[in-house]
């Protein structure tokens, strides 16, 4: 009887261990990865001037801001959809990459930092790939890819610093994420794009200067009515182009941003 009870206890322990195995792997991977990058940044802090160190984190902040704009297929969304077997990964990847291109152009225009775009796309493919691996419960692969990226951060980061100086750090960080392309390419090969499964999109416009956020929700069922709504504006613009007569028209830019001060809708009047 005691032997039977002992076997049951060990079986329960084994079941609990295997049930928590994924969480243990995720936790250890993230902890070890954070330790590796902490050592890397601490080492850079000891050999770099404060100005250069601050410049790096300024550029990382720019990349993070652009990434948040482009991150349509966020890690949590990818986890849920992959776990449910919706096969929308390539679709979300495509949307994120498109918005990544847009945000990269904005960064180049505003800041003139072309090399930051490498890091932006690195962040995007990293988030999408890790979300997919977690959703599919590929915990071992998650650990391998994550730790490989962290190790590459150290190797490439230090190498590029000594080869190119401070300007080499940001490209090195971006290149360290290229290994995740293996997952992204595999998803495109195995699953076709399927935008029909997207039933609703929630988005918004963020105005940084005025600190305003204008949310919006678009549904697939509203496509026809949506075109009807915009058709009147298209018709108005077509008539203006043909006649070269541009009558005053009130919109959200009139309040603060319109440079035409003699317009009746100008917010400064």
Protein backbone atom coordinates (compact mmCIF):
# COMPACT_ATOMS: atom_id res chain seq x y z
CA UNK A 1 0.00 0.00 0.00
CA UNK A 2 2.82 2.41 0.88
CA UNK A 3 4.59 1.60 -2.38
CA UNK A 4 1.40 2.39 -4.29
CA UNK A 5 0.96 5.72 -2.50
CA UNK A 6 4.59 6.62 -3.10
CA UNK A 7 4.24 5.87 -6.81
CA UNK A 8 1.14 8.07 -6.97
CA UNK A 9 2.97 10.92 -5.25
CA UNK A 10 5.92 10.68 -7.63
CA UNK A 11 3.54 10.55 -10.58
CA UNK A 12 1.78 13.70 -9.37
CA UNK A 13 5.12 15.44 -8.92
CA UNK A 14 6.19 14.45 -12.42
CA UNK A 15 2.89 15.67 -13.87
CA UNK A 16 3.24 19.03 -12.10
CA UNK A 17 6.86 19.31 -13.25
CA UNK A 18 6.00 18.67 -16.91
CA UNK A 19 3.02 21.01 -16.68
CA UNK A 20 5.30 23.78 -15.39
CA UNK A 21 8.22 22.86 -17.63
CA UNK A 22 7.29 25.49 -20.19
CA UNK A 23 7.08 28.24 -17.57
CA UNK A 24 10.41 27.17 -16.10
CA UNK A 25 12.10 27.30 -19.53
CA UNK A 26 10.59 30.72 -20.30
CA UNK A 27 11.57 32.10 -16.91
CA UNK A 28 15.13 30.79 -17.04
CA UNK A 29 15.61 31.94 -20.62
CA UNK A 30 14.48 35.47 -19.88
CA UNK A 31 16.51 35.63 -16.68
CA UNK A 32 19.71 34.39 -18.30
CA UNK A 33 19.11 36.62 -21.34
CA UNK A 34 18.65 39.67 -19.13
CA UNK A 35 21.84 38.81 -17.25
CA UNK A 36 23.81 38.54 -20.49
CA UNK A 37 22.62 41.91 -21.81
CA UNK A 38 23.14 43.54 -18.40
CA UNK A 39 26.79 42.50 -18.46
CA UNK A 40 27.07 43.84 -22.02
CA UNK A 41 25.66 47.26 -21.15
CA UNK A 42 27.72 47.45 -17.97
CA UNK A 43 30.87 46.73 -19.97
CA UNK A 44 30.00 49.44 -22.52
CA UNK A 45 29.38 51.90 -19.71
CA UNK A 46 32.91 51.35 -18.41
CA UNK A 47 34.65 51.97 -21.75
CA UNK A 48 32.45 54.67 -23.32
CA UNK A 49 32.08 58.38 -22.74
CA UNK A 50 28.77 59.42 -21.09
CA UNK A 51 27.76 61.39 -24.21
CA UNK A 52 28.12 58.36 -26.46
CA UNK A 53 26.34 56.09 -23.99
CA UNK A 54 23.45 58.53 -23.73
CA UNK A 55 23.26 58.85 -27.51
CA UNK A 56 22.83 55.09 -27.87
CA UNK A 57 19.87 55.02 -25.50
CA UNK A 58 18.37 58.05 -27.22
CA UNK A 59 18.44 56.16 -30.53
CA UNK A 60 17.08 53.02 -28.85
CA UNK A 61 14.22 55.15 -27.53
CA UNK A 62 13.46 56.36 -31.07
CA UNK A 63 13.47 52.77 -32.34
CA UNK A 64 11.19 51.66 -29.50
CA UNK A 65 8.73 54.48 -30.24
CA UNK A 66 8.61 53.57 -33.94
CA UNK A 67 8.28 49.89 -33.06
CA UNK A 68 5.24 50.59 -30.86
CA UNK A 69 3.61 52.30 -33.84
CA UNK A 70 4.38 49.37 -36.14
CA UNK A 71 3.52 46.62 -33.69
CA UNK A 72 0.13 45.62 -35.12
CA UNK A 73 0.79 41.90 -34.56
CA UNK A 74 1.92 42.28 -30.96
CA UNK A 75 3.41 39.39 -29.02
CA UNK A 76 0.23 38.82 -26.99
CA UNK A 77 -1.94 38.82 -30.12
CA UNK A 78 0.40 36.38 -31.83
CA UNK A 79 0.40 34.11 -28.76
CA UNK A 80 -3.40 33.90 -28.66
CA UNK A 81 -3.90 33.41 -32.41
CA UNK A 82 -1.12 30.81 -32.69
CA UNK A 83 -2.49 28.88 -29.72
CA UNK A 84 -5.96 28.84 -31.30
CA UNK A 85 -4.58 27.70 -34.66
CA UNK A 86 -6.06 30.65 -36.55
CA UNK A 87 -3.16 30.66 -39.06
CA UNK A 88 -3.10 34.44 -39.21
CA UNK A 89 0.60 34.77 -38.42
CA UNK A 90 1.75 35.80 -41.95
CA UNK A 91 -1.13 38.29 -42.17
CA UNK A 92 -0.16 39.95 -38.90
CA UNK A 93 3.50 39.82 -39.90
CA UNK A 94 2.70 41.61 -43.15
CA UNK A 95 0.72 44.35 -41.40
CA UNK A 96 3.50 44.89 -38.87
CA UNK A 97 6.17 45.01 -41.56
CA UNK A 98 4.16 47.50 -43.63
CA UNK A 99 3.75 49.77 -40.63
CA UNK A 100 7.42 49.20 -39.90
CA UNK A 101 8.29 50.65 -43.31
CA UNK A 102 6.06 53.66 -42.65
CA UNK A 103 7.50 54.30 -39.19
CA UNK A 104 11.04 53.91 -40.58
CA UNK A 105 10.38 56.63 -43.18
CA UNK A 106 9.06 58.89 -40.43
CA UNK A 107 12.19 58.29 -38.34
CA UNK A 108 14.45 59.03 -41.31
CA UNK A 109 12.56 62.22 -42.17
CA UNK A 110 12.41 63.57 -38.60
CA UNK A 111 15.70 62.37 -37.13
CA UNK A 112 17.79 61.48 -40.19
CA UNK A 113 18.93 58.25 -38.50
CA UNK A 114 18.85 55.59 -41.23
CA UNK A 115 20.65 52.92 -39.18
CA UNK A 116 17.90 53.02 -36.54
CA UNK A 117 15.56 51.35 -39.06
CA UNK A 118 17.58 48.14 -38.75
CA UNK A 119 16.77 48.02 -35.04
CA UNK A 120 13.09 48.80 -35.67
CA UNK A 121 12.70 45.76 -37.92
CA UNK A 122 14.75 43.71 -35.48
CA UNK A 123 12.26 44.52 -32.73
CA UNK A 124 9.34 43.65 -35.00
CA UNK A 125 10.54 40.20 -36.11
CA UNK A 126 11.70 39.44 -32.56
CA UNK A 127 8.27 40.13 -31.05
CA UNK A 128 6.34 38.30 -33.74
CA UNK A 129 8.60 35.24 -33.68
CA UNK A 130 8.67 34.85 -29.90
CA UNK A 131 4.90 35.29 -29.73
CA UNK A 132 4.46 32.52 -32.28
CA UNK A 133 6.80 30.15 -30.41
CA UNK A 134 5.01 30.73 -27.11
CA UNK A 135 1.59 30.24 -28.71
CA UNK A 136 2.69 26.93 -30.23
CA UNK A 137 4.40 25.94 -26.95
CA UNK A 138 7.77 25.53 -28.64
CA UNK A 139 9.53 26.44 -25.42
CA UNK A 140 12.87 24.86 -26.25
CA UNK A 141 13.06 26.76 -29.55
CA UNK A 142 12.05 29.92 -27.71
CA UNK A 143 15.00 29.47 -25.37
CA UNK A 144 17.44 28.76 -28.21
CA UNK A 145 16.41 31.77 -30.30
CA UNK A 146 16.24 34.15 -27.36
CA UNK A 147 19.61 33.23 -25.87
CA UNK A 148 21.24 33.16 -29.32
CA UNK A 149 20.08 36.72 -29.89
CA UNK A 150 21.42 37.84 -26.50
CA UNK A 151 24.79 36.22 -27.15
CA UNK A 152 24.94 37.83 -30.61
CA UNK A 153 24.18 41.18 -28.96
CA UNK A 154 27.36 40.87 -26.91
CA UNK A 155 29.57 39.55 -29.72
CA UNK A 156 28.36 41.93 -32.44
CA UNK A 157 27.94 44.88 -30.10
CA UNK A 158 31.52 44.79 -28.80
CA UNK A 159 32.96 43.93 -32.23
CA UNK A 160 31.12 46.74 -33.99
CA UNK A 161 32.05 49.19 -31.26
CA UNK A 162 35.76 48.56 -31.73
CA UNK A 163 35.41 48.53 -35.53
CA UNK A 164 33.08 51.50 -36.08
CA UNK A 165 32.85 53.26 -32.74
CA UNK A 166 29.59 54.39 -31.13
CA UNK A 167 27.82 54.45 -34.52
CA UNK A 168 28.25 50.67 -34.81
CA UNK A 169 26.21 49.76 -31.72
CA UNK A 170 22.71 50.33 -33.12
CA UNK A 171 23.30 48.35 -36.36
CA UNK A 172 24.85 45.57 -34.28
CA UNK A 173 21.75 45.37 -32.08
CA UNK A 174 19.52 45.22 -35.16
CA UNK A 175 21.61 42.54 -36.87
CA UNK A 176 21.49 40.38 -33.73
CA UNK A 177 17.77 39.79 -34.41
CA UNK A 178 18.24 38.46 -37.95
CA UNK A 179 18.09 34.86 -36.72
CA UNK A 180 14.35 35.32 -36.17
CA UNK A 181 13.91 35.65 -39.92
CA UNK A 182 14.10 31.85 -40.03
CA UNK A 183 10.74 31.71 -38.23
CA UNK A 184 9.15 34.52 -40.25
CA UNK A 185 10.18 32.97 -43.59
CA UNK A 186 8.96 29.54 -42.46
CA UNK A 187 5.54 31.00 -41.59
CA UNK A 188 5.23 32.60 -45.03
CA UNK A 189 6.15 29.31 -46.70
CA UNK A 190 3.69 27.20 -44.72
CA UNK A 191 0.73 29.58 -44.48
CA UNK A 192 -0.76 31.92 -47.05
CA UNK A 193 -1.98 35.44 -46.37
CA UNK A 194 -5.60 35.54 -45.24
CA UNK A 195 -6.99 39.02 -44.59
CA UNK A 196 -10.57 37.71 -44.66
CA UNK A 197 -10.14 36.37 -41.13
CA UNK A 198 -9.58 39.90 -39.82
CA UNK A 199 -13.01 41.02 -38.65
CA UNK A 200 -12.11 44.14 -36.68
CA UNK A 201 -9.17 46.53 -36.36
CA UNK A 202 -8.75 48.98 -33.50
CA UNK A 203 -6.31 51.82 -34.10
CA UNK A 204 -5.81 55.51 -33.42
CA UNK A 205 -3.93 58.70 -34.21
CA UNK A 206 -1.46 59.96 -31.62
CA UNK A 207 -0.53 63.65 -31.70
CA UNK A 208 2.65 63.98 -29.66
CA UNK A 209 2.79 67.77 -29.47
CA UNK A 210 -0.79 68.32 -28.34
CA UNK A 211 -0.82 65.04 -26.38
CA UNK A 212 -4.07 63.90 -27.97
CA UNK A 213 -5.15 60.41 -28.97
CA UNK A 214 -8.01 59.81 -31.41
CA UNK A 215 -9.12 56.15 -31.30
CA UNK A 216 -10.98 54.41 -34.11
CA UNK A 217 -12.47 50.97 -34.75
CA UNK A 218 -13.01 49.51 -38.22
CA UNK A 219 -15.09 46.39 -38.92
CA UNK A 220 -15.14 44.23 -42.04
CA UNK A 221 -18.92 44.56 -42.25
CA UNK A 222 -18.51 48.34 -42.56
CA UNK A 223 -16.36 48.25 -45.72
CA UNK A 224 -19.16 49.26 -48.09
CA UNK A 225 -20.47 52.03 -45.85
CA UNK A 226 -16.88 53.14 -45.29
CA UNK A 227 -16.35 53.72 -49.00
CA UNK A 228 -19.65 55.61 -49.15
CA UNK A 229 -18.41 57.88 -46.37
CA UNK A 230 -15.17 58.72 -48.20
CA UNK A 231 -16.75 59.02 -51.67
CA UNK A 232 -18.09 62.50 -50.95
CA UNK A 233 -14.58 63.73 -50.12
CA UNK A 234 -13.14 62.08 -53.23
CA UNK A 235 -15.84 63.71 -55.38
CA UNK A 236 -15.14 67.13 -53.79
CA UNK A 237 -11.40 66.80 -54.45
CA UNK A 238 -11.96 65.70 -58.05
CA UNK A 239 -14.10 68.79 -58.72
CA UNK A 240 -11.47 71.04 -57.13
CA UNK A 241 -8.72 69.51 -59.28
CA UNK A 242 -10.78 69.97 -62.46
CA UNK A 243 -11.77 73.57 -61.73
CA UNK A 244 -8.68 74.58 -59.74
CA UNK A 245 -11.00 76.16 -57.19
CA UNK A 246 -10.28 75.16 -53.60
CA UNK A 247 -13.10 76.24 -51.35
CA UNK A 248 -12.53 76.39 -47.56
CA UNK A 249 -13.29 73.07 -45.89
CA UNK A 250 -13.25 72.47 -42.14
CA UNK A 251 -11.33 69.48 -40.72
CA UNK A 252 -9.31 68.56 -37.64
CA UNK A 253 -6.19 70.46 -38.81
CA UNK A 254 -8.01 73.80 -38.78
CA UNK A 255 -7.96 74.13 -35.02
CA UNK A 256 -4.18 74.35 -34.43
CA UNK A 257 -2.15 73.37 -37.47
CA UNK A 258 -3.55 75.25 -40.49
CA UNK A 259 -1.13 77.94 -41.79
CA UNK A 260 -3.84 79.79 -43.77
CA UNK A 261 -4.70 82.51 -41.27
CA UNK A 262 -7.29 84.28 -43.47
CA UNK A 263 -9.47 81.15 -43.71
CA UNK A 264 -12.78 81.37 -41.85
CA UNK A 265 -12.15 77.96 -40.23
CA UNK A 266 -8.67 78.77 -38.89
CA UNK A 267 -8.57 78.12 -35.15
CA UNK A 268 -6.69 81.33 -34.44
CA UNK A 269 -9.48 83.51 -35.82
